[in-house]
PDB file of N, CA and C in Angstrom:
ATOM      1  N   UNK A   1       6.773 -15.000 -18.479  1.00  0.00           N
ATOM      2  CA  UNK A   1       7.706 -14.100 -18.531  1.00  0.00           C
ATOM      3  C   UNK A   1       7.942 -13.875 -16.709  1.00  0.00           C
ATOM      4  N   UNK A   2       7.019 -14.444 -16.009  1.00  0.00           N
ATOM      5  CA  UNK A   2       7.442 -14.330 -14.392  1.00  0.00           C
ATOM      6  C   UNK A   2       8.745 -15.167 -14.455  1.00  0.00           C
ATOM      7  N   UNK A   3       8.743 -16.371 -14.617  1.00  0.00           N
ATOM      8  CA  UNK A   3      10.158 -17.361 -15.181  1.00  0.00           C
ATOM      9  C   UNK A   3      11.282 -16.843 -15.437  1.00  0.00           C
ATOM     10  N   UNK A   4      10.900 -15.677 -16.432  1.00  0.00           N
ATOM     11  CA  UNK A   4      12.236 -14.692 -16.832  1.00  0.00           C
ATOM     12  C   UNK A   4      12.701 -13.517 -15.883  1.00  0.00           C
ATOM     13  N   UNK A   5      11.127 -13.163 -15.328  1.00  0.00           N
ATOM     14  CA  UNK A   5      11.610 -11.878 -14.092  1.00  0.00           C
ATOM     15  C   UNK A   5      12.777 -12.628 -13.332  1.00  0.00           C
ATOM     16  N   UNK A   6      12.101 -14.075 -12.643  1.00  0.00           N
ATOM     17  CA  UNK A   6      12.773 -14.284 -11.394  1.00  0.00           C
ATOM     18  C   UNK A   6      14.096 -14.817 -11.187  1.00  0.00           C
ATOM     19  N   UNK A   7      14.561 -15.395 -13.238  1.00  0.00           N
ATOM     20  CA  UNK A   7      15.856 -15.527 -13.765  1.00  0.00           C
ATOM     21  C   UNK A   7      16.700 -13.856 -13.706  1.00  0.00           C
ATOM     22  N   UNK A   8      16.390 -13.071 -14.322  1.00  0.00           N
ATOM     23  CA  UNK A   8      16.777 -11.888 -13.753  1.00  0.00           C
ATOM     24  C   UNK A   8      16.876 -11.281 -13.109  1.00  0.00           C
ATOM     25  N   UNK A   9      16.397 -11.545 -11.783  1.00  0.00           N
ATOM     26  CA  UNK A   9      16.026 -11.007 -10.261  1.00  0.00           C
ATOM     27  C   UNK A   9      17.786 -11.488  -9.497  1.00  0.00           C
ATOM     28  N   UNK A  10      17.958 -12.847  -9.769  1.00  0.00           N
ATOM     29  CA  UNK A  10      18.392 -13.789  -9.448  1.00  0.00           C
ATOM     30  C   UNK A  10      20.157 -13.190  -9.822  1.00  0.00           C
ATOM     31  N   UNK A  11      20.549 -13.251 -11.278  1.00  0.00           N
ATOM     32  CA  UNK A  11      21.521 -13.010 -11.564  1.00  0.00           C
ATOM     33  C   UNK A  11      21.894 -11.786 -11.062  1.00  0.00           C
ATOM     34  N   UNK A  12      23.221 -11.528 -10.117  1.00  0.00           N
ATOM     35  CA  UNK A  12      23.670  -9.737  -9.708  1.00  0.00           C
ATOM     36  C   UNK A  12      24.830  -9.049 -10.399  1.00  0.00           C
ATOM     37  N   UNK A  13      24.319  -7.607 -10.270  1.00  0.00           N
ATOM     38  CA  UNK A  13      24.976  -6.748 -10.487  1.00  0.00           C
ATOM     39  C   UNK A  13      26.498  -6.211 -10.034  1.00  0.00           C
ATOM     40  N   UNK A  14      27.033  -6.770 -10.814  1.00  0.00           N
ATOM     41  CA  UNK A  14      28.937  -6.470 -10.819  1.00  0.00           C
ATOM     42  C   UNK A  14      28.992  -4.721 -10.762  1.00  0.00           C
ATOM     43  N   UNK A  15      28.727  -3.867  -9.977  1.00  0.00           N
ATOM     44  CA  UNK A  15      28.984  -2.337 -10.352  1.00  0.00           C
ATOM     45  C   UNK A  15      30.270  -2.212  -9.936  1.00  0.00           C
ATOM     46  N   UNK A  16      30.635  -0.615 -10.528  1.00  0.00           N
ATOM     47  CA  UNK A  16      31.746  -0.070 -10.176  1.00  0.00           C
ATOM     48  C   UNK A  16      31.362   1.454 -10.001  1.00  0.00           C
ATOM     49  N   UNK A  17      31.540   2.252  -8.580  1.00  0.00           N
ATOM     50  CA  UNK A  17      31.207   3.379  -7.813  1.00  0.00           C
ATOM     51  C   UNK A  17      32.596   4.005  -7.903  1.00  0.00           C
ATOM     52  N   UNK A  18      32.519   5.044  -7.900  1.00  0.00           N
ATOM     53  CA  UNK A  18      33.325   6.090  -7.445  1.00  0.00           C
ATOM     54  C   UNK A  18      34.030   5.471  -5.932  1.00  0.00           C
ATOM     55  N   UNK A  19      33.923   4.928  -5.137  1.00  0.00           N
ATOM     56  CA  UNK A  19      34.414   4.662  -4.152  1.00  0.00           C
ATOM     57  C   UNK A  19      35.090   2.998  -4.094  1.00  0.00           C
ATOM     58  N   UNK A  20      34.592   2.019  -5.045  1.00  0.00           N
ATOM     59  CA  UNK A  20      35.069   0.973  -5.199  1.00  0.00           C
ATOM     60  C   UNK A  20      34.192   0.030  -6.087  1.00  0.00           C
ATOM     61  N   UNK A  21      34.564  -1.327  -6.488  1.00  0.00           N
ATOM     62  CA  UNK A  21      34.125  -1.743  -7.167  1.00  0.00           C
ATOM     63  C   UNK A  21      33.250  -2.454  -6.108  1.00  0.00           C
ATOM     64  N   UNK A  22      31.960  -2.909  -6.093  1.00  0.00           N
ATOM     65  CA  UNK A  22      31.216  -3.861  -5.638  1.00  0.00           C
ATOM     66  C   UNK A  22      30.348  -4.556  -6.374  1.00  0.00           C
ATOM     67  N   UNK A  23      29.499  -5.370  -5.282  1.00  0.00           N
ATOM     68  CA  UNK A  23      28.186  -6.204  -5.984  1.00  0.00           C
ATOM     69  C   UNK A  23      26.896  -6.261  -5.125  1.00  0.00           C
ATOM     70  N   UNK A  24      25.908  -6.413  -5.665  1.00  0.00           N
ATOM     71  CA  UNK A  24      24.812  -6.089  -4.982  1.00  0.00           C
ATOM     72  C   UNK A  24      23.586  -7.265  -5.660  1.00  0.00           C
ATOM     73  N   UNK A  25      23.158  -8.287  -4.799  1.00  0.00           N
ATOM     74  CA  UNK A  25      22.444  -9.300  -5.144  1.00  0.00           C
ATOM     75  C   UNK A  25      21.166  -8.956  -4.517  1.00  0.00           C
ATOM     76  N   UNK A  26      20.063  -9.220  -4.827  1.00  0.00           N
ATOM     77  CA  UNK A  26      18.495  -8.969  -4.369  1.00  0.00           C
ATOM     78  C   UNK A  26      18.994 -10.615  -3.984  1.00  0.00           C
ATOM     79  N   UNK A  27      18.091 -11.033  -2.356  1.00  0.00           N
ATOM     80  CA  UNK A  27      18.162 -12.083  -1.723  1.00  0.00           C
ATOM     81  C   UNK A  27      16.562 -12.760  -1.223  1.00  0.00           C
ATOM     82  N   UNK A  28      15.645 -11.512  -1.696  1.00  0.00           N
ATOM     83  CA  UNK A  28      14.540 -12.161  -1.308  1.00  0.00           C
ATOM     84  C   UNK A  28      14.128 -11.708   0.119  1.00  0.00           C
ATOM     85  N   UNK A  29      13.178 -12.411   0.530  1.00  0.00           N
ATOM     86  CA  UNK A  29      12.900 -12.001   1.892  1.00  0.00           C
ATOM     87  C   UNK A  29      11.563 -12.510   2.553  1.00  0.00           C
ATOM     88  N   UNK A  30      11.845 -12.290   4.319  1.00  0.00           N
ATOM     89  CA  UNK A  30      11.073 -13.052   5.004  1.00  0.00           C
ATOM     90  C   UNK A  30       9.992 -11.865   5.410  1.00  0.00           C
ATOM     91  N   UNK A  31       8.823 -12.240   5.972  1.00  0.00           N
ATOM     92  CA  UNK A  31       7.823 -11.754   6.289  1.00  0.00           C
ATOM     93  C   UNK A  31       8.447 -10.419   6.922  1.00  0.00           C
ATOM     94  N   UNK A  32       9.131 -10.980   7.974  1.00  0.00           N
ATOM     95  CA  UNK A  32       9.411  -9.613   9.063  1.00  0.00           C
ATOM     96  C   UNK A  32      10.734  -9.205   8.423  1.00  0.00           C
ATOM     97  N   UNK A  33      11.455  -9.609   7.334  1.00  0.00           N
ATOM     98  CA  UNK A  33      12.713  -8.658   6.761  1.00  0.00           C
ATOM     99  C   UNK A  33      12.450  -8.769   5.068  1.00  0.00           C
ATOM    100  N   UNK A  34      11.200  -7.759   4.718  1.00  0.00           N
ATOM    101  CA  UNK A  34      11.377  -7.483   3.121  1.00  0.00           C
ATOM    102  C   UNK A  34      12.383  -7.194   2.632  1.00  0.00           C
ATOM    103  N   UNK A  35      12.746  -7.124   1.513  1.00  0.00           N
ATOM    104  CA  UNK A  35      13.051  -6.323  -0.042  1.00  0.00           C
ATOM    105  C   UNK A  35      15.177  -6.696   0.871  1.00  0.00           C
ATOM    106  N   UNK A  36      15.346  -7.891   0.674  1.00  0.00           N
ATOM    107  CA  UNK A  36      17.028  -8.100   1.206  1.00  0.00           C
ATOM    108  C   UNK A  36      17.289  -8.175  -0.326  1.00  0.00           C
ATOM    109  N   UNK A  37      18.758  -7.914   0.111  1.00  0.00           N
ATOM    110  CA  UNK A  37      20.111  -7.494  -0.173  1.00  0.00           C
ATOM    111  C   UNK A  37      20.872  -7.919  -0.435  1.00  0.00           C
ATOM    112  N   UNK A  38      22.520  -8.734  -0.732  1.00  0.00           N
ATOM    113  CA  UNK A  38      23.737  -8.763   0.069  1.00  0.00           C
ATOM    114  C   UNK A  38      24.352  -8.166  -0.898  1.00  0.00           C
ATOM    115  N   UNK A  39      25.209  -7.444   0.146  1.00  0.00           N
ATOM    116  CA  UNK A  39      26.893  -6.289  -0.590  1.00  0.00           C
ATOM    117  C   UNK A  39      27.836  -7.001  -0.019  1.00  0.00           C
ATOM    118  N   UNK A  40      28.546  -6.907  -1.530  1.00  0.00           N
ATOM    119  CA  UNK A  40      29.734  -7.523  -1.214  1.00  0.00           C
ATOM    120  C   UNK A  40      30.502  -6.702  -2.060  1.00  0.00           C
ATOM    121  N   UNK A  41      32.413  -6.699  -1.473  1.00  0.00           N
ATOM    122  CA  UNK A  41      33.028  -5.800  -2.061  1.00  0.00           C
ATOM    123  C   UNK A  41      34.627  -6.133  -1.553  1.00  0.00           C
ATOM    124  N   UNK A  42      35.725  -5.569  -1.865  1.00  0.00           N
ATOM    125  CA  UNK A  42      37.234  -6.154  -1.257  1.00  0.00           C
ATOM    126  C   UNK A  42      37.398  -6.238   0.308  1.00  0.00           C
ATOM    127  N   UNK A  43      36.441  -5.397   1.102  1.00  0.00           N
ATOM    128  CA  UNK A  43      36.452  -5.455   2.190  1.00  0.00           C
ATOM    129  C   UNK A  43      35.075  -5.633   3.026  1.00  0.00           C
ATOM    130  N   UNK A  44      34.531  -6.192   2.989  1.00  0.00           N
ATOM    131  CA  UNK A  44      33.476  -6.354   3.591  1.00  0.00           C
ATOM    132  C   UNK A  44      32.268  -7.121   2.741  1.00  0.00           C
ATOM    133  N   UNK A  45      31.284  -7.743   3.606  1.00  0.00           N
ATOM    134  CA  UNK A  45      30.045  -8.583   3.145  1.00  0.00           C
ATOM    135  C   UNK A  45      28.484  -8.371   4.285  1.00  0.00           C
ATOM    136  N   UNK A  46      27.518  -8.261   3.852  1.00  0.00           N
ATOM    137  CA  UNK A  46      27.183  -7.855   4.748  1.00  0.00           C
ATOM    138  C   UNK A  46      25.264  -7.894   4.101  1.00  0.00           C
ATOM    139  N   UNK A  47      24.416  -8.048   5.081  1.00  0.00           N
ATOM    140  CA  UNK A  47      23.156  -8.053   3.858  1.00  0.00           C
ATOM    141  C   UNK A  47      22.053  -6.975   4.909  1.00  0.00           C
ATOM    142  N   UNK A  48      21.796  -6.111   3.705  1.00  0.00           N
ATOM    143  CA  UNK A  48      20.939  -5.010   4.356  1.00  0.00           C
ATOM    144  C   UNK A  48      19.432  -5.339   3.622  1.00  0.00           C
ATOM    145  N   UNK A  49      18.747  -4.571   3.896  1.00  0.00           N
ATOM    146  CA  UNK A  49      16.779  -4.705   3.921  1.00  0.00           C
ATOM    147  C   UNK A  49      16.187  -3.285   3.846  1.00  0.00           C
ATOM    148  N   UNK A  50      15.763  -3.020   2.579  1.00  0.00           N
ATOM    149  CA  UNK A  50      14.810  -2.190   2.192  1.00  0.00           C
ATOM    150  C   UNK A  50      13.701  -1.745   1.942  1.00  0.00           C
ATOM    151  N   UNK A  51      13.355  -0.688   2.357  1.00  0.00           N
ATOM    152  CA  UNK A  51      11.760  -0.709   1.781  1.00  0.00           C
ATOM    153  C   UNK A  51      11.457   0.757   1.324  1.00  0.00           C
ATOM    154  N   UNK A  52      10.144   1.087   0.254  1.00  0.00           N
ATOM    155  CA  UNK A  52      10.342   2.274  -0.453  1.00  0.00           C
ATOM    156  C   UNK A  52       8.734   2.798   0.440  1.00  0.00           C
ATOM    157  N   UNK A  53       8.956   4.216  -0.260  1.00  0.00           N
ATOM    158  CA  UNK A  53       7.921   4.957   0.359  1.00  0.00           C
ATOM    159  C   UNK A  53       7.684   6.159  -0.875  1.00  0.00           C
ATOM    160  N   UNK A  54       6.441   7.252  -0.469  1.00  0.00           N
ATOM    161  CA  UNK A  54       6.995   8.275  -1.373  1.00  0.00           C
ATOM    162  C   UNK A  54       6.685   9.719  -0.608  1.00  0.00           C
ATOM    163  N   UNK A  55       7.690  10.292  -0.848  1.00  0.00           N
ATOM    164  CA  UNK A  55       7.567  11.889  -0.524  1.00  0.00           C
ATOM    165  C   UNK A  55       6.286  12.447  -0.469  1.00  0.00           C
ATOM    166  N   UNK A  56       6.326  14.052   0.001  1.00  0.00           N
ATOM    167  CA  UNK A  56       4.918  14.599  -0.462  1.00  0.00           C
ATOM    168  C   UNK A  56       4.582  14.726  -1.970  1.00  0.00           C
ATOM    169  N   UNK A  57       6.093  15.201  -2.812  1.00  0.00           N
ATOM    170  CA  UNK A  57       5.934  15.096  -4.063  1.00  0.00           C
ATOM    171  C   UNK A  57       5.517  13.971  -5.018  1.00  0.00           C
ATOM    172  N   UNK A  58       5.975  12.804  -4.551  1.00  0.00           N
ATOM    173  CA  UNK A  58       4.973  11.712  -4.954  1.00  0.00           C
ATOM    174  C   UNK A  58       6.502  10.775  -5.511  1.00  0.00           C
ATOM    175  N   UNK A  59       7.355  11.618  -4.555  1.00  0.00           N
ATOM    176  CA  UNK A  59       9.069  10.497  -5.693  1.00  0.00           C
ATOM    177  C   UNK A  59       9.083   9.614  -4.940  1.00  0.00           C
ATOM    178  N   UNK A  60      10.448   8.241  -5.118  1.00  0.00           N
ATOM    179  CA  UNK A  60      10.173   7.688  -4.543  1.00  0.00           C
ATOM    180  C   UNK A  60      11.137   7.907  -3.477  1.00  0.00           C
ATOM    181  N   UNK A  61      11.212   7.274  -2.256  1.00  0.00           N
ATOM    182  CA  UNK A  61      12.549   7.269  -1.249  1.00  0.00           C
ATOM    183  C   UNK A  61      12.638   5.809  -0.805  1.00  0.00           C
ATOM    184  N   UNK A  62      13.963   5.310  -0.400  1.00  0.00           N
ATOM    185  CA  UNK A  62      14.277   4.622  -0.134  1.00  0.00           C
ATOM    186  C   UNK A  62      14.618   3.924   1.098  1.00  0.00           C
ATOM    187  N   UNK A  63      14.355   3.562   1.969  1.00  0.00           N
ATOM    188  CA  UNK A  63      14.800   3.702   3.499  1.00  0.00           C
ATOM    189  C   UNK A  63      15.892   2.053   3.558  1.00  0.00           C
ATOM    190  N   UNK A  64      16.847   1.730   3.979  1.00  0.00           N
ATOM    191  CA  UNK A  64      17.794   0.786   4.502  1.00  0.00           C
ATOM    192  C   UNK A  64      17.496   0.880   5.413  1.00  0.00           C
ATOM    193  N   UNK A  65      16.526  -0.280   6.083  1.00  0.00           N
ATOM    194  CA  UNK A  65      16.070  -0.150   7.875  1.00  0.00           C
ATOM    195  C   UNK A  65      16.897  -1.411   8.471  1.00  0.00           C
ATOM    196  N   UNK A  66      17.451  -2.010   7.627  1.00  0.00           N
ATOM    197  CA  UNK A  66      18.330  -2.767   8.400  1.00  0.00           C
ATOM    198  C   UNK A  66      19.759  -3.488   7.774  1.00  0.00           C
ATOM    199  N   UNK A  67      20.349  -4.092   8.648  1.00  0.00           N
ATOM    200  CA  UNK A  67      21.653  -5.166   8.258  1.00  0.00           C
ATOM    201  C   UNK A  67      21.722  -5.989   8.840  1.00  0.00           C
ATOM    202  N   UNK A  68      22.581  -7.028   8.417  1.00  0.00           N
ATOM    203  CA  UNK A  68      22.455  -8.110   9.137  1.00  0.00           C
ATOM    204  C   UNK A  68      24.157  -9.297   8.506  1.00  0.00           C
ATOM    205  N   UNK A  69      24.604  -9.582   9.270  1.00  0.00           N
ATOM    206  CA  UNK A  69      25.563 -10.297   9.074  1.00  0.00           C
ATOM    207  C   UNK A  69      25.422 -11.760   8.179  1.00  0.00           C
ATOM    208  N   UNK A  70      24.007 -11.787   8.604  1.00  0.00           N
ATOM    209  CA  UNK A  70      23.263 -13.538   8.097  1.00  0.00           C
ATOM    210  C   UNK A  70      22.242 -13.003   7.270  1.00  0.00           C
ATOM    211  N   UNK A  71      22.448 -13.869   5.775  1.00  0.00           N
ATOM    212  CA  UNK A  71      20.952 -13.718   5.470  1.00  0.00           C
ATOM    213  C   UNK A  71      19.901 -14.054   5.856  1.00  0.00           C
ATOM    214  N   UNK A  72      19.000 -12.782   5.856  1.00  0.00           N
ATOM    215  CA  UNK A  72      17.561 -12.873   6.145  1.00  0.00           C
ATOM    216  C   UNK A  72      17.542 -13.628   7.931  1.00  0.00           C
ATOM    217  N   UNK A  73      18.692 -12.749   8.980  1.00  0.00           N
ATOM    218  CA  UNK A  73      18.771 -13.157  10.140  1.00  0.00           C
ATOM    219  C   UNK A  73      18.639 -11.711  10.921  1.00  0.00           C
ATOM    220  N   UNK A  74      18.351 -12.071  12.238  1.00  0.00           N
ATOM    221  CA  UNK A  74      18.741 -10.560  13.035  1.00  0.00           C
ATOM    222  C   UNK A  74      20.139 -10.422  13.103  1.00  0.00           C
ATOM    223  N   UNK A  75      20.728  -9.298  13.447  1.00  0.00           N
ATOM    224  CA  UNK A  75      22.547  -9.692  14.313  1.00  0.00           C
ATOM    225  C   UNK A  75      22.979  -8.823  13.477  1.00  0.00           C
ATOM    226  N   UNK A  76      23.249  -7.348  13.639  1.00  0.00           N
ATOM    227  CA  UNK A  76      24.429  -6.511  13.155  1.00  0.00           C
ATOM    228  C   UNK A  76      25.417  -7.143  12.554  1.00  0.00           C
ATOM    229  N   UNK A  77      25.919  -6.415  11.651  1.00  0.00           N
ATOM    230  CA  UNK A  77      27.315  -6.710  10.885  1.00  0.00           C
ATOM    231  C   UNK A  77      28.256  -5.831  12.083  1.00  0.00           C
ATOM    232  N   UNK A  78      29.335  -6.612  11.534  1.00  0.00           N
ATOM    233  CA  UNK A  78      30.599  -5.806  12.667  1.00  0.00           C
ATOM    234  C   UNK A  78      31.618  -4.816  11.551  1.00  0.00           C
ATOM    235  N   UNK A  79      31.301  -3.797  11.420  1.00  0.00           N
ATOM    236  CA  UNK A  79      32.045  -3.037  10.270  1.00  0.00           C
ATOM    237  C   UNK A  79      33.065  -1.845  10.647  1.00  0.00           C
ATOM    238  N   UNK A  80      33.988  -1.912  10.123  1.00  0.00           N
ATOM    239  CA  UNK A  80      34.887  -1.183  10.350  1.00  0.00           C
ATOM    240  C   UNK A  80      33.993   0.366   9.937  1.00  0.00           C
ATOM    241  N   UNK A  81      34.862   1.668  10.202  1.00  0.00           N
ATOM    242  CA  UNK A  81      34.132   2.974  10.118  1.00  0.00           C
ATOM    243  C   UNK A  81      34.311   3.093   8.333  1.00  0.00           C
ATOM    244  N   UNK A  82      35.643   3.097   7.799  1.00  0.00           N
ATOM    245  CA  UNK A  82      35.600   3.478   6.421  1.00  0.00           C
ATOM    246  C   UNK A  82      34.806   1.849   5.628  1.00  0.00           C
ATOM    247  N   UNK A  83      35.014   0.932   6.341  1.00  0.00           N
ATOM    248  CA  UNK A  83      34.028   0.458   5.659  1.00  0.00           C
ATOM    249  C   UNK A  83      32.654   0.446   5.164  1.00  0.00           C
ATOM    250  N   UNK A  84      32.214   0.918   6.243  1.00  0.00           N
ATOM    251  CA  UNK A  84      30.798   1.477   6.584  1.00  0.00           C
ATOM    252  C   UNK A  84      30.597   2.522   5.637  1.00  0.00           C
ATOM    253  N   UNK A  85      31.307   3.553   5.478  1.00  0.00           N
ATOM    254  CA  UNK A  85      30.628   4.632   4.963  1.00  0.00           C
ATOM    255  C   UNK A  85      31.360   4.511   3.239  1.00  0.00           C
ATOM    256  N   UNK A  86      32.228   3.502   2.668  1.00  0.00           N
ATOM    257  CA  UNK A  86      32.392   3.290   1.895  1.00  0.00           C
ATOM    258  C   UNK A  86      30.827   2.257   1.220  1.00  0.00           C
ATOM    259  N   UNK A  87      30.665   1.050   1.631  1.00  0.00           N
ATOM    260  CA  UNK A  87      29.580   0.704   1.503  1.00  0.00           C
ATOM    261  C   UNK A  87      28.446   1.690   0.963  1.00  0.00           C
ATOM    262  N   UNK A  88      27.967   2.204   2.224  1.00  0.00           N
ATOM    263  CA  UNK A  88      27.181   3.494   2.058  1.00  0.00           C
ATOM    264  C   UNK A  88      27.047   3.966   0.499  1.00  0.00           C
ATOM    265  N   UNK A  89      27.971   4.329   0.292  1.00  0.00           N
ATOM    266  CA  UNK A  89      28.237   5.394  -1.195  1.00  0.00           C
ATOM    267  C   UNK A  89      28.189   4.399  -2.010  1.00  0.00           C
ATOM    268  N   UNK A  90      28.454   2.776  -1.971  1.00  0.00           N
ATOM    269  CA  UNK A  90      28.220   1.788  -2.953  1.00  0.00           C
ATOM    270  C   UNK A  90      26.508   1.937  -3.118  1.00  0.00           C
ATOM    271  N   UNK A  91      25.907   1.857  -2.019  1.00  0.00           N
ATOM    272  CA  UNK A  91      24.639   1.702  -2.065  1.00  0.00           C
ATOM    273  C   UNK A  91      23.588   2.601  -2.891  1.00  0.00           C
ATOM    274  N   UNK A  92      24.200   3.312  -2.077  1.00  0.00           N
ATOM    275  CA  UNK A  92      23.438   4.776  -2.907  1.00  0.00           C
ATOM    276  C   UNK A  92      24.229   5.030  -4.314  1.00  0.00           C
ATOM    277  N   UNK A  93      25.203   4.806  -4.852  1.00  0.00           N
ATOM    278  CA  UNK A  93      24.960   4.571  -6.241  1.00  0.00           C
ATOM    279  C   UNK A  93      24.041   3.109  -6.913  1.00  0.00           C
ATOM    280  N   UNK A  94      24.370   2.575  -6.419  1.00  0.00           N
ATOM    281  CA  UNK A  94      23.426   1.356  -6.797  1.00  0.00           C
ATOM    282  C   UNK A  94      21.834   1.628  -7.073  1.00  0.00           C
ATOM    283  N   UNK A  95      21.148   2.294  -6.071  1.00  0.00           N
ATOM    284  CA  UNK A  95      20.168   2.284  -5.709  1.00  0.00           C
ATOM    285  C   UNK A  95      19.515   3.953  -6.889  1.00  0.00           C
ATOM    286  N   UNK A  96      20.322   4.647  -7.101  1.00  0.00           N
ATOM    287  CA  UNK A  96      20.482   5.758  -7.815  1.00  0.00           C
ATOM    288  C   UNK A  96      20.421   5.709  -9.835  1.00  0.00           C
ATOM    289  N   UNK A  97      21.336   4.016  -9.909  1.00  0.00           N
ATOM    290  CA  UNK A  97      21.925   3.783 -10.474  1.00  0.00           C
ATOM    291  C   UNK A  97      21.234   2.481 -11.363  1.00  0.00           C
ATOM    292  N   UNK A  98      20.300   1.879 -11.087  1.00  0.00           N
ATOM    293  CA  UNK A  98      19.714   0.408 -10.913  1.00  0.00           C
ATOM    294  C   UNK A  98      18.529   0.406 -10.913  1.00  0.00           C
ATOM    295  N   UNK A  99      18.523  -0.576 -11.647  1.00  0.00           N
ATOM    296  CA  UNK A  99      16.361  -0.856 -11.188  1.00  0.00           C
ATOM    297  C   UNK A  99      16.833  -1.984 -10.001  1.00  0.00           C
ATOM    298  N   UNK A 100      16.419  -1.505  -8.305  1.00  0.00           N
ATOM    299  CA  UNK A 100      15.997  -2.605  -7.290  1.00  0.00           C
ATOM    300  C   UNK A 100      15.222  -3.570  -7.616  1.00  0.00           C
ATOM    301  N   UNK A 101      14.472  -3.480  -8.257  1.00  0.00           N
ATOM    302  CA  UNK A 101      13.527  -5.243  -8.542  1.00  0.00           C
ATOM    303  C   UNK A 101      14.173  -5.957  -9.656  1.00  0.00           C
ATOM    304  N   UNK A 102      15.311  -5.332 -10.769  1.00  0.00           N
ATOM    305  CA  UNK A 102      15.874  -5.894 -11.172  1.00  0.00           C
ATOM    306  C   UNK A 102      17.847  -5.542 -11.708  1.00  0.00           C
ATOM    307  N   UNK A 103      18.166  -5.910 -10.774  1.00  0.00           N
ATOM    308  CA  UNK A 103      19.731  -5.087 -10.215  1.00  0.00           C
ATOM    309  C   UNK A 103      20.548  -5.018 -11.552  1.00  0.00           C
ATOM    310  N   UNK A 104      20.372  -5.718 -12.752  1.00  0.00           N
ATOM    311  CA  UNK A 104      21.305  -6.063 -14.173  1.00  0.00           C
ATOM    312  C   UNK A 104      21.036  -4.758 -14.807  1.00  0.00           C
ATOM    313  N   UNK A 105      19.415  -4.332 -14.858  1.00  0.00           N
ATOM    314  CA  UNK A 105      19.102  -3.121 -15.308  1.00  0.00           C
ATOM    315  C   UNK A 105      19.128  -1.917 -14.770  1.00  0.00           C
ATOM    316  N   UNK A 106      19.535  -0.620 -15.810  1.00  0.00           N
ATOM    317  CA  UNK A 106      19.613   0.178 -15.721  1.00  0.00           C
ATOM    318  C   UNK A 106      18.259   1.352 -14.943  1.00  0.00           C
ATOM    319  N   UNK A 107      18.072   2.138 -14.020  1.00  0.00           N
ATOM    320  CA  UNK A 107      17.085   2.215 -13.289  1.00  0.00           C
ATOM    321  C   UNK A 107      16.006   3.192 -14.257  1.00  0.00           C
ATOM    322  N   UNK A 108      14.867   3.444 -14.682  1.00  0.00           N
ATOM    323  CA  UNK A 108      14.061   4.317 -15.575  1.00  0.00           C
ATOM    324  C   UNK A 108      14.657   6.032 -15.006  1.00  0.00           C
ATOM    325  N   UNK A 109      14.431   6.348 -15.542  1.00  0.00           N
ATOM    326  CA  UNK A 109      15.193   7.956 -14.820  1.00  0.00           C
ATOM    327  C   UNK A 109      13.820   8.198 -13.997  1.00  0.00           C
ATOM    328  N   UNK A 110      12.535   8.178 -14.056  1.00  0.00           N
ATOM    329  CA  UNK A 110      11.593   8.747 -13.744  1.00  0.00           C
ATOM    330  C   UNK A 110      11.473   8.105 -12.140  1.00  0.00           C
ATOM    331  N   UNK A 111      12.380   6.690 -11.910  1.00  0.00           N
ATOM    332  CA  UNK A 111      12.300   6.323 -10.599  1.00  0.00           C
ATOM    333  C   UNK A 111      13.185   6.095  -9.991  1.00  0.00           C
ATOM    334  N   UNK A 112      13.993   7.340 -10.499  1.00  0.00           N
ATOM    335  CA  UNK A 112      15.085   7.401  -9.302  1.00  0.00           C
ATOM    336  C   UNK A 112      14.761   7.991  -8.326  1.00  0.00           C
ATOM    337  N   UNK A 113      15.182   7.433  -7.085  1.00  0.00           N
ATOM    338  CA  UNK A 113      15.135   7.719  -5.644  1.00  0.00           C
ATOM    339  C   UNK A 113      15.235   9.612  -5.245  1.00  0.00           C
ATOM    340  N   UNK A 114      13.871  10.174  -4.917  1.00  0.00           N
ATOM    341  CA  UNK A 114      14.304  11.790  -4.604  1.00  0.00           C
ATOM    342  C   UNK A 114      15.675  11.414  -3.388  1.00  0.00           C
ATOM    343  N   UNK A 115      15.327  10.426  -2.520  1.00  0.00           N
ATOM    344  CA  UNK A 115      16.447  10.338  -1.458  1.00  0.00           C
ATOM    345  C   UNK A 115      16.597   9.012  -0.954  1.00  0.00           C
ATOM    346  N   UNK A 116      17.960   8.547  -0.115  1.00  0.00           N
ATOM    347  CA  UNK A 116      18.248   6.845   0.064  1.00  0.00           C
ATOM    348  C   UNK A 116      18.246   7.657   1.616  1.00  0.00           C
ATOM    349  N   UNK A 117      17.721   6.922   2.493  1.00  0.00           N
ATOM    350  CA  UNK A 117      17.812   6.978   3.953  1.00  0.00           C
ATOM    351  C   UNK A 117      18.452   6.018   4.642  1.00  0.00           C
ATOM    352  N   UNK A 118      19.669   6.001   5.234  1.00  0.00           N
ATOM    353  CA  UNK A 118      19.901   5.298   6.141  1.00  0.00           C
ATOM    354  C   UNK A 118      19.467   4.945   7.583  1.00  0.00           C
ATOM    355  N   UNK A 119      19.023   3.678   8.167  1.00  0.00           N
ATOM    356  CA  UNK A 119      17.844   3.928   9.293  1.00  0.00           C
ATOM    357  C   UNK A 119      18.093   2.675   9.725  1.00  0.00           C
ATOM    358  N   UNK A 120      19.155   1.941   9.996  1.00  0.00           N
ATOM    359  CA  UNK A 120      20.035   0.657   9.628  1.00  0.00           C
ATOM    360  C   UNK A 120      20.502   0.404  11.283  1.00  0.00           C
ATOM    361  N   UNK A 121      20.977   1.890  11.576  1.00  0.00           N
ATOM    362  CA  UNK A 121      21.378   0.842  12.875  1.00  0.00           C
ATOM    363  C   UNK A 121      22.689   0.303  13.547  1.00  0.00           C
ATOM    364  N   UNK A 122      23.813   1.182  12.436  1.00  0.00           N
ATOM    365  CA  UNK A 122      24.848   0.633  12.344  1.00  0.00           C
ATOM    366  C   UNK A 122      25.691   1.586  12.172  1.00  0.00           C
TER     367      UNK A 122
END
C-alpha cells in the first residue's frame, strides 16, 4: 500500500480554476523546507512550501511559508504582480478542492481548510 500511495503522490494534478489552467505537483521535502510543491501555469513556474496547523475550533489552517525559484532551495522567485495574484488564487483553489497529500483526489469535505495564509514574503 505504501508504494501505491507514493505513486499517487508523484502523479501531478492539472486543474482548472476561475483564474486559469494550472498544475501543482508534490515535490517532497527537506528538513528545513517541508511540504514542497511545484506550481506551473502559462505565465510562471515556481516552488512553494506549506505547513498545516489547527485553529481554535480544530479546523485545518494551511500556511504557505516560503517560495523559491529552484526546488527545495532558498531564493525567491521573481513574479509580476498579476502572475502572483493569479497563482495565489489557484493555490487557494487547489487546497480547497484537492487532498494535499494526494493531489489527484478531491479533498474530503471535513478536511477543507478553514483558511489559507500566505506568509511567503513575495
